[in-house]
Amino acid sequence: MSRSAPNVVLLLFSLVAPAAAQWHIGLELATHQYRGSSHDTTDSHVTPEGRPGGGIAFGLRLTKDWGRTGTTLRVTYATTGFAIAGSGLTVTDKTTGTLLETAMLISTRVGGIGPSGAIRVELGPALHLWDFDGEYRTRFGGIGAAAYEWPVSKRFTGAVRLEGMLSPSWFETAELPPEFERQLTWRYGFALGLRYRL
């Protein structure tokens, strides 16, 4: 074994060890509110909007950080329900409508609060699989978010996240009444998260 071999091993270890320490796995609890998706063009209905109902969502995140930037694979499950709304009235049917969402987010640190808190922005594509009365619809959309993260302990980090999402209507044209038209589906939400450094 040459004299340079131990040096190569040490060099590889110094590169791999920090990289391994930058992986995180986390859980997230969010609340979502939806808008859009379908609308009555004649204003003949008391509740002229039909859309996903919103509610609580549970997420699992796998994150890899490279200094100020990072990438996250997030899988979220929610029982969205179906809502009709208008004139200050919203009625939600929670017996139908579930969402499985997969998102790939790129983040960067844009600032900080205090000695160790970090402000990050996230942006990336999302795939939505929405089950409405046993009929599955697949939609592609985009997600943008701003988050504040702070250390809880040596390996745990807490996060508060404000998020927005935009995608095509989650309804098919044939299933809407003639007077309704499809619109973009959008949502906003608030989330609390906790992640663990592997």
N, C-alpha and C. Protein backbone atom coordinates (compact mmCIF):
# COMPACT_ATOMS: atom_id res chain seq x y z
N MET A 1 0.85 -1.19 0.00
CA MET A 1 0.00 0.00 0.00
C MET A 1 0.88 1.23 0.00
N SER A 2 0.66 2.15 -0.91
CA SER A 2 1.51 3.33 -1.03
C SER A 2 1.24 4.29 0.11
N ARG A 3 2.20 5.22 0.32
CA ARG A 3 2.05 6.20 1.38
C ARG A 3 0.87 7.14 1.14
N SER A 4 0.53 7.31 -0.14
CA SER A 4 -0.55 8.25 -0.46
C SER A 4 -1.93 7.67 -0.19
N ALA A 5 -2.02 6.32 -0.04
CA ALA A 5 -3.33 5.69 0.16
C ALA A 5 -4.03 6.18 1.42
N PRO A 6 -3.34 6.23 2.59
CA PRO A 6 -4.03 6.73 3.79
C PRO A 6 -4.52 8.16 3.60
N ASN A 7 -3.74 8.97 2.89
CA ASN A 7 -4.15 10.35 2.65
C ASN A 7 -5.43 10.41 1.81
N VAL A 8 -5.53 9.51 0.82
CA VAL A 8 -6.72 9.47 -0.02
C VAL A 8 -7.93 9.05 0.80
N VAL A 9 -7.75 8.05 1.69
CA VAL A 9 -8.84 7.59 2.55
C VAL A 9 -9.31 8.71 3.46
N LEU A 10 -8.35 9.44 4.07
CA LEU A 10 -8.72 10.56 4.94
C LEU A 10 -9.45 11.65 4.17
N LEU A 11 -9.00 11.91 2.93
CA LEU A 11 -9.65 12.92 2.11
C LEU A 11 -11.08 12.52 1.79
N LEU A 12 -11.29 11.26 1.40
CA LEU A 12 -12.64 10.79 1.08
C LEU A 12 -13.54 10.84 2.31
N PHE A 13 -12.99 10.45 3.46
CA PHE A 13 -13.80 10.48 4.69
C PHE A 13 -14.19 11.91 5.04
N SER A 14 -13.27 12.85 4.84
CA SER A 14 -13.57 14.24 5.17
C SER A 14 -14.64 14.81 4.26
N LEU A 15 -14.75 14.25 3.03
CA LEU A 15 -15.78 14.71 2.11
C LEU A 15 -17.12 14.05 2.39
N VAL A 16 -17.09 12.75 2.72
CA VAL A 16 -18.32 12.00 2.91
C VAL A 16 -18.96 12.30 4.25
N ALA A 17 -18.18 12.41 5.32
CA ALA A 17 -18.73 12.58 6.66
C ALA A 17 -19.58 13.85 6.79
N PRO A 18 -19.08 15.02 6.35
CA PRO A 18 -19.93 16.20 6.45
C PRO A 18 -21.19 16.08 5.61
N ALA A 19 -21.07 15.44 4.43
CA ALA A 19 -22.23 15.30 3.56
C ALA A 19 -23.30 14.46 4.23
N ALA A 20 -22.88 13.37 4.92
CA ALA A 20 -23.85 12.51 5.58
C ALA A 20 -24.56 13.26 6.70
N ALA A 21 -23.87 14.19 7.35
CA ALA A 21 -24.45 14.92 8.47
C ALA A 21 -25.48 15.95 8.01
N GLN A 22 -25.59 16.19 6.71
CA GLN A 22 -26.50 17.20 6.21
C GLN A 22 -27.85 16.63 5.78
N TRP A 23 -28.06 15.34 5.96
CA TRP A 23 -29.36 14.76 5.67
C TRP A 23 -30.28 14.94 6.88
N HIS A 24 -31.54 15.27 6.61
CA HIS A 24 -32.55 15.44 7.66
C HIS A 24 -33.82 14.70 7.26
N ILE A 25 -34.52 14.18 8.27
CA ILE A 25 -35.85 13.62 8.05
C ILE A 25 -36.79 14.34 9.02
N GLY A 26 -37.98 14.68 8.54
CA GLY A 26 -38.86 15.47 9.38
C GLY A 26 -40.33 15.15 9.19
N LEU A 27 -41.12 15.56 10.18
CA LEU A 27 -42.57 15.45 10.14
C LEU A 27 -43.16 16.85 10.12
N GLU A 28 -44.33 16.96 9.49
CA GLU A 28 -44.96 18.26 9.34
C GLU A 28 -46.47 18.13 9.53
N LEU A 29 -47.06 19.07 10.24
CA LEU A 29 -48.51 19.16 10.42
C LEU A 29 -48.96 20.51 9.88
N ALA A 30 -49.88 20.48 8.91
CA ALA A 30 -50.26 21.72 8.23
C ALA A 30 -51.78 21.86 8.18
N THR A 31 -52.22 23.08 8.03
CA THR A 31 -53.62 23.36 7.77
C THR A 31 -53.73 24.09 6.44
N HIS A 32 -54.63 23.64 5.56
CA HIS A 32 -54.75 24.17 4.21
C HIS A 32 -56.13 24.74 3.95
N GLN A 33 -56.18 25.81 3.17
CA GLN A 33 -57.43 26.39 2.69
C GLN A 33 -57.35 26.49 1.17
N TYR A 34 -58.38 26.00 0.47
CA TYR A 34 -58.39 25.98 -0.99
C TYR A 34 -59.33 27.04 -1.55
N ARG A 35 -59.02 27.48 -2.75
CA ARG A 35 -59.86 28.39 -3.50
C ARG A 35 -59.82 27.98 -4.97
N GLY A 36 -60.78 28.49 -5.74
CA GLY A 36 -60.80 28.21 -7.18
C GLY A 36 -61.32 26.83 -7.48
N SER A 37 -60.87 26.25 -8.58
CA SER A 37 -61.19 24.92 -9.10
C SER A 37 -62.44 24.91 -9.97
N SER A 38 -63.57 25.50 -9.51
CA SER A 38 -64.76 25.61 -10.37
C SER A 38 -65.61 26.79 -9.89
N HIS A 39 -66.34 27.38 -10.86
CA HIS A 39 -67.13 28.57 -10.53
C HIS A 39 -68.34 28.67 -11.45
N ASP A 40 -69.46 29.11 -10.88
CA ASP A 40 -70.70 29.31 -11.62
C ASP A 40 -70.62 30.63 -12.39
N THR A 41 -70.68 30.56 -13.72
CA THR A 41 -70.56 31.77 -14.55
C THR A 41 -71.85 32.56 -14.63
N THR A 42 -72.98 31.98 -14.19
CA THR A 42 -74.27 32.66 -14.32
C THR A 42 -74.73 33.29 -13.00
N ASP A 43 -74.01 33.00 -11.93
CA ASP A 43 -74.40 33.50 -10.60
C ASP A 43 -75.82 33.09 -10.23
N SER A 44 -76.24 31.94 -10.71
CA SER A 44 -77.59 31.45 -10.43
C SER A 44 -77.66 30.56 -9.19
N HIS A 45 -76.51 30.25 -8.61
CA HIS A 45 -76.47 29.39 -7.43
C HIS A 45 -76.12 30.22 -6.18
N VAL A 46 -76.70 29.83 -5.06
CA VAL A 46 -76.38 30.48 -3.79
C VAL A 46 -74.93 30.21 -3.41
N THR A 47 -74.46 29.02 -3.75
CA THR A 47 -73.06 28.64 -3.49
C THR A 47 -72.38 28.41 -4.84
N PRO A 48 -71.80 29.44 -5.45
CA PRO A 48 -71.31 29.34 -6.82
C PRO A 48 -69.93 28.71 -6.99
N GLU A 49 -69.28 28.30 -5.91
CA GLU A 49 -67.94 27.72 -6.03
C GLU A 49 -67.93 26.28 -5.52
N GLY A 50 -67.27 25.40 -6.27
CA GLY A 50 -67.02 24.03 -5.83
C GLY A 50 -65.53 23.78 -5.83
N ARG A 51 -65.00 23.25 -4.74
CA ARG A 51 -63.55 23.12 -4.61
C ARG A 51 -63.19 22.10 -3.55
N PRO A 52 -61.90 21.72 -3.46
CA PRO A 52 -61.46 20.92 -2.31
C PRO A 52 -61.73 21.68 -1.02
N GLY A 53 -62.03 20.96 0.04
CA GLY A 53 -62.47 21.60 1.26
C GLY A 53 -61.36 22.09 2.18
N GLY A 54 -60.18 21.51 2.10
CA GLY A 54 -59.10 21.91 2.99
C GLY A 54 -59.11 21.12 4.29
N GLY A 55 -58.35 21.61 5.26
CA GLY A 55 -58.26 20.93 6.55
C GLY A 55 -56.82 20.61 6.91
N ILE A 56 -56.65 19.53 7.69
CA ILE A 56 -55.34 19.16 8.21
C ILE A 56 -54.61 18.23 7.23
N ALA A 57 -53.30 18.45 7.08
CA ALA A 57 -52.46 17.62 6.23
C ALA A 57 -51.24 17.15 7.02
N PHE A 58 -50.81 15.92 6.77
CA PHE A 58 -49.65 15.34 7.44
C PHE A 58 -48.56 15.11 6.40
N GLY A 59 -47.34 15.57 6.70
CA GLY A 59 -46.26 15.48 5.73
C GLY A 59 -45.02 14.81 6.29
N LEU A 60 -44.28 14.15 5.41
CA LEU A 60 -42.99 13.55 5.71
C LEU A 60 -41.97 14.16 4.76
N ARG A 61 -40.88 14.69 5.32
CA ARG A 61 -39.87 15.40 4.54
C ARG A 61 -38.51 14.72 4.66
N LEU A 62 -37.81 14.62 3.53
CA LEU A 62 -36.42 14.17 3.49
C LEU A 62 -35.62 15.27 2.83
N THR A 63 -34.66 15.84 3.57
CA THR A 63 -33.96 17.05 3.14
C THR A 63 -32.46 16.81 3.10
N LYS A 64 -31.81 17.38 2.08
CA LYS A 64 -30.34 17.40 2.00
C LYS A 64 -29.91 18.84 1.84
N ASP A 65 -29.09 19.31 2.79
CA ASP A 65 -28.61 20.69 2.77
C ASP A 65 -27.16 20.76 2.30
N TRP A 66 -26.90 21.78 1.51
CA TRP A 66 -25.54 22.14 1.12
C TRP A 66 -25.31 23.59 1.54
N GLY A 67 -24.97 23.81 2.79
CA GLY A 67 -24.77 25.16 3.25
C GLY A 67 -26.07 25.95 3.25
N ARG A 68 -26.12 27.00 2.42
CA ARG A 68 -27.29 27.87 2.38
C ARG A 68 -28.43 27.30 1.54
N THR A 69 -28.14 26.33 0.69
CA THR A 69 -29.17 25.77 -0.19
C THR A 69 -29.47 24.33 0.20
N GLY A 70 -30.61 23.84 -0.29
CA GLY A 70 -30.99 22.47 0.00
C GLY A 70 -32.09 21.99 -0.91
N THR A 71 -32.33 20.68 -0.90
CA THR A 71 -33.43 20.08 -1.64
C THR A 71 -34.24 19.21 -0.68
N THR A 72 -35.55 19.19 -0.92
CA THR A 72 -36.45 18.43 -0.05
C THR A 72 -37.43 17.62 -0.89
N LEU A 73 -37.57 16.35 -0.55
CA LEU A 73 -38.64 15.52 -1.09
C LEU A 73 -39.70 15.42 0.00
N ARG A 74 -40.91 15.88 -0.32
CA ARG A 74 -41.98 15.88 0.68
C ARG A 74 -43.19 15.10 0.17
N VAL A 75 -43.71 14.23 1.01
CA VAL A 75 -44.94 13.48 0.71
C VAL A 75 -45.99 13.89 1.75
N THR A 76 -47.17 14.31 1.27
CA THR A 76 -48.22 14.82 2.15
C THR A 76 -49.51 14.07 1.89
N TYR A 77 -50.22 13.76 2.98
CA TYR A 77 -51.54 13.14 2.87
C TYR A 77 -52.55 14.00 3.60
N ALA A 78 -53.72 14.20 2.98
CA ALA A 78 -54.76 15.02 3.60
C ALA A 78 -56.13 14.50 3.19
N THR A 79 -57.08 14.61 4.11
CA THR A 79 -58.48 14.38 3.79
C THR A 79 -59.09 15.74 3.53
N THR A 80 -59.12 16.13 2.26
CA THR A 80 -59.52 17.49 1.92
C THR A 80 -61.02 17.69 1.97
N GLY A 81 -61.79 16.64 1.67
CA GLY A 81 -63.22 16.81 1.55
C GLY A 81 -63.57 17.58 0.28
N PHE A 82 -64.85 17.90 0.15
CA PHE A 82 -65.34 18.69 -0.99
C PHE A 82 -66.22 19.79 -0.43
N ALA A 83 -66.00 21.03 -0.89
CA ALA A 83 -66.72 22.17 -0.35
C ALA A 83 -67.46 22.92 -1.45
N ILE A 84 -68.64 23.42 -1.11
CA ILE A 84 -69.35 24.39 -1.93
C ILE A 84 -69.44 25.66 -1.11
N ALA A 85 -69.20 26.80 -1.76
CA ALA A 85 -69.09 28.05 -1.01
C ALA A 85 -69.67 29.21 -1.79
N GLY A 86 -70.08 30.23 -1.05
CA GLY A 86 -70.59 31.45 -1.65
C GLY A 86 -71.46 32.21 -0.67
N SER A 87 -71.55 33.52 -0.86
CA SER A 87 -72.38 34.39 -0.01
C SER A 87 -72.06 34.22 1.47
N GLY A 88 -70.77 34.04 1.77
CA GLY A 88 -70.35 33.90 3.15
C GLY A 88 -70.66 32.56 3.78
N LEU A 89 -71.12 31.59 2.97
CA LEU A 89 -71.49 30.27 3.47
C LEU A 89 -70.60 29.22 2.81
N THR A 90 -70.05 28.31 3.62
CA THR A 90 -69.26 27.19 3.11
C THR A 90 -69.76 25.90 3.74
N VAL A 91 -70.08 24.92 2.89
CA VAL A 91 -70.51 23.61 3.35
C VAL A 91 -69.50 22.59 2.84
N THR A 92 -68.93 21.80 3.76
CA THR A 92 -67.88 20.84 3.40
C THR A 92 -68.34 19.42 3.68
N ASP A 93 -68.18 18.56 2.68
CA ASP A 93 -68.46 17.14 2.82
C ASP A 93 -67.13 16.42 3.04
N LYS A 94 -66.91 15.91 4.25
CA LYS A 94 -65.66 15.25 4.59
C LYS A 94 -65.66 13.76 4.27
N THR A 95 -66.75 13.25 3.69
CA THR A 95 -66.81 11.82 3.38
C THR A 95 -66.14 11.51 2.04
N THR A 96 -65.73 12.50 1.29
CA THR A 96 -65.07 12.27 0.01
C THR A 96 -63.94 13.28 -0.16
N GLY A 97 -62.98 12.95 -1.01
CA GLY A 97 -61.89 13.86 -1.30
C GLY A 97 -60.69 13.66 -0.42
N THR A 98 -59.69 12.91 -0.93
CA THR A 98 -58.42 12.75 -0.24
C THR A 98 -57.30 13.11 -1.20
N LEU A 99 -56.19 13.56 -0.66
CA LEU A 99 -55.07 14.03 -1.46
C LEU A 99 -53.77 13.36 -1.04
N LEU A 100 -53.04 12.84 -2.03
CA LEU A 100 -51.67 12.41 -1.84
C LEU A 100 -50.81 13.30 -2.72
N GLU A 101 -49.95 14.08 -2.10
CA GLU A 101 -49.13 15.07 -2.82
C GLU A 101 -47.66 14.76 -2.64
N THR A 102 -46.93 14.80 -3.75
CA THR A 102 -45.47 14.64 -3.72
C THR A 102 -44.84 15.89 -4.30
N ALA A 103 -43.92 16.48 -3.58
CA ALA A 103 -43.29 17.73 -4.02
C ALA A 103 -41.78 17.62 -3.91
N MET A 104 -41.08 18.23 -4.87
CA MET A 104 -39.62 18.34 -4.83
C MET A 104 -39.29 19.83 -4.74
N LEU A 105 -38.76 20.25 -3.59
CA LEU A 105 -38.56 21.66 -3.31
C LEU A 105 -37.08 22.00 -3.23
N ILE A 106 -36.73 23.14 -3.78
CA ILE A 106 -35.39 23.69 -3.65
C ILE A 106 -35.47 24.89 -2.72
N SER A 107 -34.59 24.95 -1.74
CA SER A 107 -34.64 26.03 -0.76
C SER A 107 -33.30 26.75 -0.68
N THR A 108 -33.37 28.00 -0.20
CA THR A 108 -32.16 28.76 0.05
C THR A 108 -32.38 29.65 1.26
N ARG A 109 -31.34 29.85 2.01
CA ARG A 109 -31.42 30.73 3.18
C ARG A 109 -31.29 32.17 2.71
N VAL A 110 -32.23 33.02 3.15
CA VAL A 110 -32.23 34.43 2.73
C VAL A 110 -32.01 35.38 3.90
N GLY A 111 -31.95 34.85 5.10
CA GLY A 111 -31.73 35.71 6.25
C GLY A 111 -31.79 34.92 7.53
N GLY A 112 -31.77 35.65 8.65
CA GLY A 112 -31.82 35.00 9.94
C GLY A 112 -32.46 35.89 10.98
N ILE A 113 -32.90 35.27 12.07
CA ILE A 113 -33.44 35.99 13.22
C ILE A 113 -32.70 35.49 14.44
N GLY A 114 -32.04 36.38 15.15
CA GLY A 114 -31.27 35.96 16.31
C GLY A 114 -29.98 35.28 15.89
N PRO A 115 -29.28 34.67 16.85
CA PRO A 115 -27.97 34.08 16.57
C PRO A 115 -28.02 32.80 15.76
N SER A 116 -29.15 32.08 15.76
CA SER A 116 -29.16 30.77 15.10
C SER A 116 -30.39 30.50 14.25
N GLY A 117 -31.39 31.36 14.27
CA GLY A 117 -32.59 31.14 13.47
C GLY A 117 -32.35 31.47 12.01
N ALA A 118 -32.99 30.75 11.10
CA ALA A 118 -32.78 30.93 9.66
C ALA A 118 -34.13 31.15 8.97
N ILE A 119 -34.15 32.07 8.03
CA ILE A 119 -35.32 32.29 7.17
C ILE A 119 -34.99 31.71 5.81
N ARG A 120 -35.85 30.82 5.32
CA ARG A 120 -35.64 30.17 4.04
C ARG A 120 -36.84 30.37 3.12
N VAL A 121 -36.57 30.37 1.82
CA VAL A 121 -37.63 30.34 0.83
C VAL A 121 -37.51 29.03 0.07
N GLU A 122 -38.66 28.46 -0.33
CA GLU A 122 -38.71 27.18 -1.03
C GLU A 122 -39.56 27.33 -2.28
N LEU A 123 -39.18 26.60 -3.31
CA LEU A 123 -39.93 26.64 -4.57
C LEU A 123 -39.73 25.31 -5.28
N GLY A 124 -40.82 24.80 -5.89
CA GLY A 124 -40.65 23.57 -6.64
C GLY A 124 -41.96 23.02 -7.17
N PRO A 125 -41.89 21.96 -7.99
CA PRO A 125 -43.08 21.34 -8.57
C PRO A 125 -43.73 20.36 -7.61
N ALA A 126 -45.01 20.09 -7.86
CA ALA A 126 -45.76 19.14 -7.03
C ALA A 126 -46.66 18.30 -7.91
N LEU A 127 -46.82 17.05 -7.52
CA LEU A 127 -47.73 16.12 -8.19
C LEU A 127 -48.86 15.82 -7.22
N HIS A 128 -50.12 16.08 -7.64
CA HIS A 128 -51.28 15.84 -6.81
C HIS A 128 -52.06 14.64 -7.33
N LEU A 129 -52.36 13.71 -6.44
CA LEU A 129 -53.24 12.60 -6.75
C LEU A 129 -54.47 12.76 -5.87
N TRP A 130 -55.57 13.24 -6.46
CA TRP A 130 -56.78 13.55 -5.72
C TRP A 130 -57.83 12.49 -5.98
N ASP A 131 -58.34 11.91 -4.91
CA ASP A 131 -59.38 10.89 -5.00
C ASP A 131 -60.71 11.56 -4.65
N PHE A 132 -61.59 11.68 -5.64
CA PHE A 132 -62.90 12.30 -5.45
C PHE A 132 -63.98 11.29 -5.80
N ASP A 133 -64.64 10.76 -4.77
CA ASP A 133 -65.68 9.75 -4.96
C ASP A 133 -65.18 8.52 -5.72
N GLY A 134 -63.95 8.10 -5.43
CA GLY A 134 -63.40 6.91 -6.07
C GLY A 134 -62.80 7.16 -7.44
N GLU A 135 -62.88 8.39 -7.94
CA GLU A 135 -62.27 8.75 -9.22
C GLU A 135 -60.97 9.51 -8.94
N TYR A 136 -59.87 9.01 -9.53
CA TYR A 136 -58.57 9.62 -9.26
C TYR A 136 -58.21 10.61 -10.36
N ARG A 137 -57.70 11.77 -9.93
CA ARG A 137 -57.24 12.79 -10.88
C ARG A 137 -55.80 13.13 -10.54
N THR A 138 -54.98 13.25 -11.56
CA THR A 138 -53.58 13.62 -11.39
C THR A 138 -53.38 15.03 -11.94
N ARG A 139 -52.79 15.88 -11.14
CA ARG A 139 -52.52 17.26 -11.54
C ARG A 139 -51.10 17.63 -11.15
N PHE A 140 -50.45 18.42 -12.01
CA PHE A 140 -49.15 18.98 -11.69
C PHE A 140 -49.32 20.45 -11.30
N GLY A 141 -48.59 20.87 -10.29
CA GLY A 141 -48.68 22.24 -9.84
C GLY A 141 -47.34 22.74 -9.34
N GLY A 142 -47.37 23.91 -8.72
CA GLY A 142 -46.16 24.51 -8.18
C GLY A 142 -46.40 24.98 -6.75
N ILE A 143 -45.36 24.93 -5.94
CA ILE A 143 -45.43 25.32 -4.53
C ILE A 143 -44.36 26.36 -4.24
N GLY A 144 -44.72 27.37 -3.48
CA GLY A 144 -43.78 28.36 -2.97
C GLY A 144 -44.00 28.54 -1.48
N ALA A 145 -42.94 28.72 -0.71
CA ALA A 145 -43.09 28.81 0.74
C ALA A 145 -41.98 29.68 1.33
N ALA A 146 -42.29 30.23 2.50
CA ALA A 146 -41.30 30.92 3.33
C ALA A 146 -41.32 30.26 4.70
N ALA A 147 -40.15 29.99 5.25
CA ALA A 147 -40.07 29.24 6.51
C ALA A 147 -39.07 29.89 7.46
N TYR A 148 -39.38 29.78 8.73
CA TYR A 148 -38.44 30.16 9.78
C TYR A 148 -38.04 28.89 10.53
N GLU A 149 -36.73 28.64 10.63
CA GLU A 149 -36.23 27.43 11.29
C GLU A 149 -35.32 27.83 12.46
N TRP A 150 -35.39 27.04 13.52
CA TRP A 150 -34.56 27.31 14.69
C TRP A 150 -34.15 25.99 15.34
N PRO A 151 -32.98 25.94 15.96
CA PRO A 151 -32.52 24.70 16.61
C PRO A 151 -33.30 24.45 17.89
N VAL A 152 -33.78 23.22 18.05
CA VAL A 152 -34.48 22.80 19.28
C VAL A 152 -33.49 22.10 20.21
N SER A 153 -32.62 21.28 19.63
CA SER A 153 -31.56 20.61 20.38
C SER A 153 -30.41 20.37 19.40
N LYS A 154 -29.47 19.53 19.80
CA LYS A 154 -28.30 19.30 18.96
C LYS A 154 -28.67 18.74 17.60
N ARG A 155 -29.67 17.85 17.54
CA ARG A 155 -30.05 17.20 16.28
C ARG A 155 -31.42 17.60 15.76
N PHE A 156 -32.24 18.23 16.58
CA PHE A 156 -33.60 18.56 16.17
C PHE A 156 -33.72 20.04 15.82
N THR A 157 -34.49 20.30 14.75
CA THR A 157 -34.77 21.66 14.29
C THR A 157 -36.27 21.84 14.13
N GLY A 158 -36.79 22.94 14.66
CA GLY A 158 -38.20 23.26 14.49
C GLY A 158 -38.39 24.22 13.33
N ALA A 159 -39.61 24.26 12.78
CA ALA A 159 -39.88 25.13 11.64
C ALA A 159 -41.34 25.60 11.65
N VAL A 160 -41.54 26.84 11.22
CA VAL A 160 -42.86 27.39 10.94
C VAL A 160 -42.84 27.79 9.48
N ARG A 161 -43.87 27.37 8.72
CA ARG A 161 -43.84 27.56 7.27
C ARG A 161 -45.17 28.14 6.78
N LEU A 162 -45.08 29.17 5.93
CA LEU A 162 -46.23 29.71 5.21
C LEU A 162 -46.09 29.30 3.75
N GLU A 163 -47.15 28.75 3.17
CA GLU A 163 -47.03 28.12 1.85
C GLU A 163 -48.20 28.45 0.94
N GLY A 164 -47.92 28.51 -0.34
CA GLY A 164 -48.95 28.68 -1.34
C GLY A 164 -48.77 27.65 -2.45
N MET A 165 -49.88 27.23 -3.09
CA MET A 165 -49.85 26.23 -4.15
C MET A 165 -50.77 26.66 -5.28
N LEU A 166 -50.39 26.34 -6.52
CA LEU A 166 -51.19 26.66 -7.69
C LEU A 166 -51.14 25.49 -8.66
N SER A 167 -52.32 25.09 -9.20
CA SER A 167 -52.38 23.99 -10.16
C SER A 167 -53.63 24.14 -11.01
N PRO A 168 -53.76 23.37 -12.10
CA PRO A 168 -55.01 23.39 -12.87
C PRO A 168 -56.18 22.90 -12.02
N SER A 169 -57.39 23.13 -12.50
CA SER A 169 -58.59 22.68 -11.78
C SER A 169 -58.52 21.20 -11.50
N TRP A 170 -58.99 20.80 -10.33
CA TRP A 170 -58.98 19.39 -9.96
C TRP A 170 -60.24 18.67 -10.45
N PHE A 171 -61.11 19.37 -11.17
CA PHE A 171 -62.31 18.75 -11.71
C PHE A 171 -62.16 18.50 -13.21
N GLU A 172 -62.90 17.53 -13.70
CA GLU A 172 -63.00 17.29 -15.13
C GLU A 172 -64.19 18.08 -15.68
N THR A 173 -64.09 18.49 -16.94
CA THR A 173 -65.15 19.30 -17.53
C THR A 173 -66.50 18.57 -17.51
N ALA A 174 -66.50 17.28 -17.80
CA ALA A 174 -67.74 16.52 -17.94
C ALA A 174 -68.51 16.38 -16.64
N GLU A 175 -67.86 16.53 -15.49
CA GLU A 175 -68.55 16.30 -14.23
C GLU A 175 -69.14 17.57 -13.63
N LEU A 176 -68.93 18.71 -14.27
CA LEU A 176 -69.47 19.96 -13.77
C LEU A 176 -70.78 20.30 -14.48
N PRO A 177 -71.72 20.97 -13.82
CA PRO A 177 -72.93 21.45 -14.49
C PRO A 177 -72.55 22.40 -15.63
N PRO A 178 -73.42 22.55 -16.66
CA PRO A 178 -73.08 23.38 -17.83
C PRO A 178 -72.73 24.81 -17.49
N GLU A 179 -73.34 25.34 -16.43
CA GLU A 179 -73.10 26.74 -16.09
C GLU A 179 -71.80 26.96 -15.31
N PHE A 180 -71.12 25.87 -14.98
CA PHE A 180 -69.87 26.00 -14.24
C PHE A 180 -68.67 25.90 -15.19
N GLU A 181 -67.61 26.62 -14.86
CA GLU A 181 -66.37 26.54 -15.61
C GLU A 181 -65.23 26.18 -14.67
N ARG A 182 -64.23 25.54 -15.22
CA ARG A 182 -63.06 25.17 -14.42
C ARG A 182 -62.17 26.39 -14.23
N GLN A 183 -61.53 26.46 -13.07
CA GLN A 183 -60.58 27.52 -12.76
C GLN A 183 -59.33 26.91 -12.15
N LEU A 184 -58.28 27.72 -12.05
CA LEU A 184 -57.08 27.28 -11.35
C LEU A 184 -57.43 26.94 -9.91
N THR A 185 -56.83 25.87 -9.40
CA THR A 185 -56.95 25.53 -7.99
C THR A 185 -55.76 26.13 -7.26
N TRP A 186 -56.03 26.85 -6.20
CA TRP A 186 -54.92 27.38 -5.40
C TRP A 186 -55.24 27.24 -3.92
N ARG A 187 -54.19 27.22 -3.14
CA ARG A 187 -54.36 27.08 -1.71
C ARG A 187 -53.29 27.89 -0.98
N TYR A 188 -53.57 28.15 0.26
CA TYR A 188 -52.58 28.73 1.16
C TYR A 188 -52.64 27.93 2.45
N GLY A 189 -51.53 27.95 3.17
CA GLY A 189 -51.49 27.12 4.37
C GLY A 189 -50.41 27.53 5.34
N PHE A 190 -50.52 26.97 6.52
CA PHE A 190 -49.59 27.22 7.63
C PHE A 190 -49.17 25.86 8.19
N ALA A 191 -47.89 25.69 8.46
CA ALA A 191 -47.40 24.40 8.91
C ALA A 191 -46.41 24.53 10.05
N LEU A 192 -46.40 23.52 10.92
CA LEU A 192 -45.39 23.37 11.96
C LEU A 192 -44.63 22.08 11.68
N GLY A 193 -43.31 22.14 11.80
CA GLY A 193 -42.52 20.96 11.48
C GLY A 193 -41.39 20.73 12.48
N LEU A 194 -40.93 19.50 12.52
CA LEU A 194 -39.80 19.11 13.34
C LEU A 194 -38.96 18.14 12.53
N ARG A 195 -37.66 18.42 12.42
CA ARG A 195 -36.81 17.53 11.64
C ARG A 195 -35.61 17.09 12.47
N TYR A 196 -35.10 15.93 12.08
CA TYR A 196 -33.99 15.30 12.80
C TYR A 196 -32.80 15.14 11.87
N ARG A 197 -31.63 15.57 12.32
CA ARG A 197 -30.41 15.43 11.52
C ARG A 197 -29.87 14.03 11.65
N LEU A 198 -29.73 13.33 10.51
CA LEU A 198 -29.26 11.95 10.51
C LEU A 198 -27.75 11.87 10.69
